[in-house]
């Protein structure tokens, strides 16, 4: 019975892990970053490193708005 439970837990863990493997969209990543900023849980984490570690994609530096 214990082995069966462990197999079920392992299978569910694999499904959850594979579901999170896809990177977040830029909008989702930005929302997640702003939520972490509001909760003051970022510490010294920069936007660029946050994109890489929490959003699952290559970091992109912030875009500068052109003056028109």
C-alpha atoms as a PDB file:
ATOM      1  CA  UNK A   1       0.000   0.000   0.000  1.00  0.00           C
ATOM      2  CA  UNK A   2       2.841   2.396   0.836  1.00  0.00           C
ATOM      3  CA  UNK A   3       4.562   1.686  -2.490  1.00  0.00           C
ATOM      4  CA  UNK A   4       1.355   2.390  -4.372  1.00  0.00           C
ATOM      5  CA  UNK A   5       0.994   5.738  -2.594  1.00  0.00           C
ATOM      6  CA  UNK A   6       4.568   6.674  -3.429  1.00  0.00           C
ATOM      7  CA  UNK A   7       4.036   5.816  -7.093  1.00  0.00           C
ATOM      8  CA  UNK A   8       0.912   7.975  -7.231  1.00  0.00           C
ATOM      9  CA  UNK A   9       2.682  10.909  -5.565  1.00  0.00           C
ATOM     10  CA  UNK A  10       5.642  10.577  -7.939  1.00  0.00           C
ATOM     11  CA  UNK A  11       3.359  10.501 -10.982  1.00  0.00           C
ATOM     12  CA  UNK A  12       1.472  13.588  -9.829  1.00  0.00           C
ATOM     13  CA  UNK A  13       4.741  15.396  -9.184  1.00  0.00           C
ATOM     14  CA  UNK A  14       5.948  14.650 -12.698  1.00  0.00           C
ATOM     15  CA  UNK A  15       2.719  15.957 -14.193  1.00  0.00           C
ATOM     16  CA  UNK A  16       2.924  19.164 -12.180  1.00  0.00           C
ATOM     17  CA  UNK A  17       6.584  19.653 -13.100  1.00  0.00           C
ATOM     18  CA  UNK A  18       5.997  19.183 -16.813  1.00  0.00           C
ATOM     19  CA  UNK A  19       3.049  21.582 -16.733  1.00  0.00           C
ATOM     20  CA  UNK A  20       5.297  24.308 -15.315  1.00  0.00           C
ATOM     21  CA  UNK A  21       8.070  23.729 -17.840  1.00  0.00           C
ATOM     22  CA  UNK A  22       6.659  26.211 -20.345  1.00  0.00           C
ATOM     23  CA  UNK A  23       7.955  29.743 -19.830  1.00  0.00           C
ATOM     24  CA  UNK A  24       5.560  32.455 -18.736  1.00  0.00           C
ATOM     25  CA  UNK A  25       4.520  35.096 -21.219  1.00  0.00           C
ATOM     26  CA  UNK A  26       6.101  38.519 -20.786  1.00  0.00           C
ATOM     27  CA  UNK A  27       2.794  39.867 -19.444  1.00  0.00           C
ATOM     28  CA  UNK A  28       2.546  37.052 -16.878  1.00  0.00           C
ATOM     29  CA  UNK A  29       6.165  37.536 -15.881  1.00  0.00           C
ATOM     30  CA  UNK A  30       5.694  41.285 -15.468  1.00  0.00           C
ATOM     31  CA  UNK A  31       2.595  40.743 -13.320  1.00  0.00           C
ATOM     32  CA  UNK A  32       4.459  38.229 -11.176  1.00  0.00           C
ATOM     33  CA  UNK A  33       7.379  40.655 -10.752  1.00  0.00           C
ATOM     34  CA  UNK A  34       5.067  43.528  -9.792  1.00  0.00           C
ATOM     35  CA  UNK A  35       3.295  41.295  -7.275  1.00  0.00           C
ATOM     36  CA  UNK A  36       6.647  40.364  -5.738  1.00  0.00           C
ATOM     37  CA  UNK A  37       7.586  44.069  -5.629  1.00  0.00           C
ATOM     38  CA  UNK A  38       4.315  44.934  -3.876  1.00  0.00           C
ATOM     39  CA  UNK A  39       4.826  42.109  -1.380  1.00  0.00           C
ATOM     40  CA  UNK A  40       8.426  43.294  -0.860  1.00  0.00           C
ATOM     41  CA  UNK A  41       9.763  39.771  -1.433  1.00  0.00           C
ATOM     42  CA  UNK A  42      12.259  40.609  -4.187  1.00  0.00           C
ATOM     43  CA  UNK A  43      15.161  41.635  -2.006  1.00  0.00           C
ATOM     44  CA  UNK A  44      18.015  42.528  -4.352  1.00  0.00           C
ATOM     45  CA  UNK A  45      16.659  40.561  -7.327  1.00  0.00           C
ATOM     46  CA  UNK A  46      16.696  42.569 -10.551  1.00  0.00           C
ATOM     47  CA  UNK A  47      14.136  42.385 -13.355  1.00  0.00           C
ATOM     48  CA  UNK A  48      16.630  40.634 -15.618  1.00  0.00           C
ATOM     49  CA  UNK A  49      17.491  37.915 -13.093  1.00  0.00           C
ATOM     50  CA  UNK A  50      13.805  37.552 -12.144  1.00  0.00           C
ATOM     51  CA  UNK A  51      12.928  36.805 -15.767  1.00  0.00           C
ATOM     52  CA  UNK A  52      15.523  34.078 -15.905  1.00  0.00           C
ATOM     53  CA  UNK A  53      14.856  32.433 -12.542  1.00  0.00           C
ATOM     54  CA  UNK A  54      11.111  32.849 -12.081  1.00  0.00           C
ATOM     55  CA  UNK A  55       9.699  33.130 -15.594  1.00  0.00           C
ATOM     56  CA  UNK A  56      11.700  30.466 -17.402  1.00  0.00           C
ATOM     57  CA  UNK A  57      13.085  32.382 -20.341  1.00  0.00           C
ATOM     58  CA  UNK A  58      16.158  34.295 -21.409  1.00  0.00           C
ATOM     59  CA  UNK A  59      16.215  37.698 -19.777  1.00  0.00           C
ATOM     60  CA  UNK A  60      15.448  40.796 -21.794  1.00  0.00           C
ATOM     61  CA  UNK A  61      16.599  44.180 -20.573  1.00  0.00           C
ATOM     62  CA  UNK A  62      13.864  46.737 -20.013  1.00  0.00           C
ATOM     63  CA  UNK A  63      12.852  48.590 -23.155  1.00  0.00           C
ATOM     64  CA  UNK A  64      13.487  52.304 -23.160  1.00  0.00           C
ATOM     65  CA  UNK A  65      10.632  54.479 -24.318  1.00  0.00           C
ATOM     66  CA  UNK A  66      11.644  56.717 -27.169  1.00  0.00           C
ATOM     67  CA  UNK A  67      11.020  60.425 -26.852  1.00  0.00           C
ATOM     68  CA  UNK A  68       8.843  61.596 -29.722  1.00  0.00           C
END
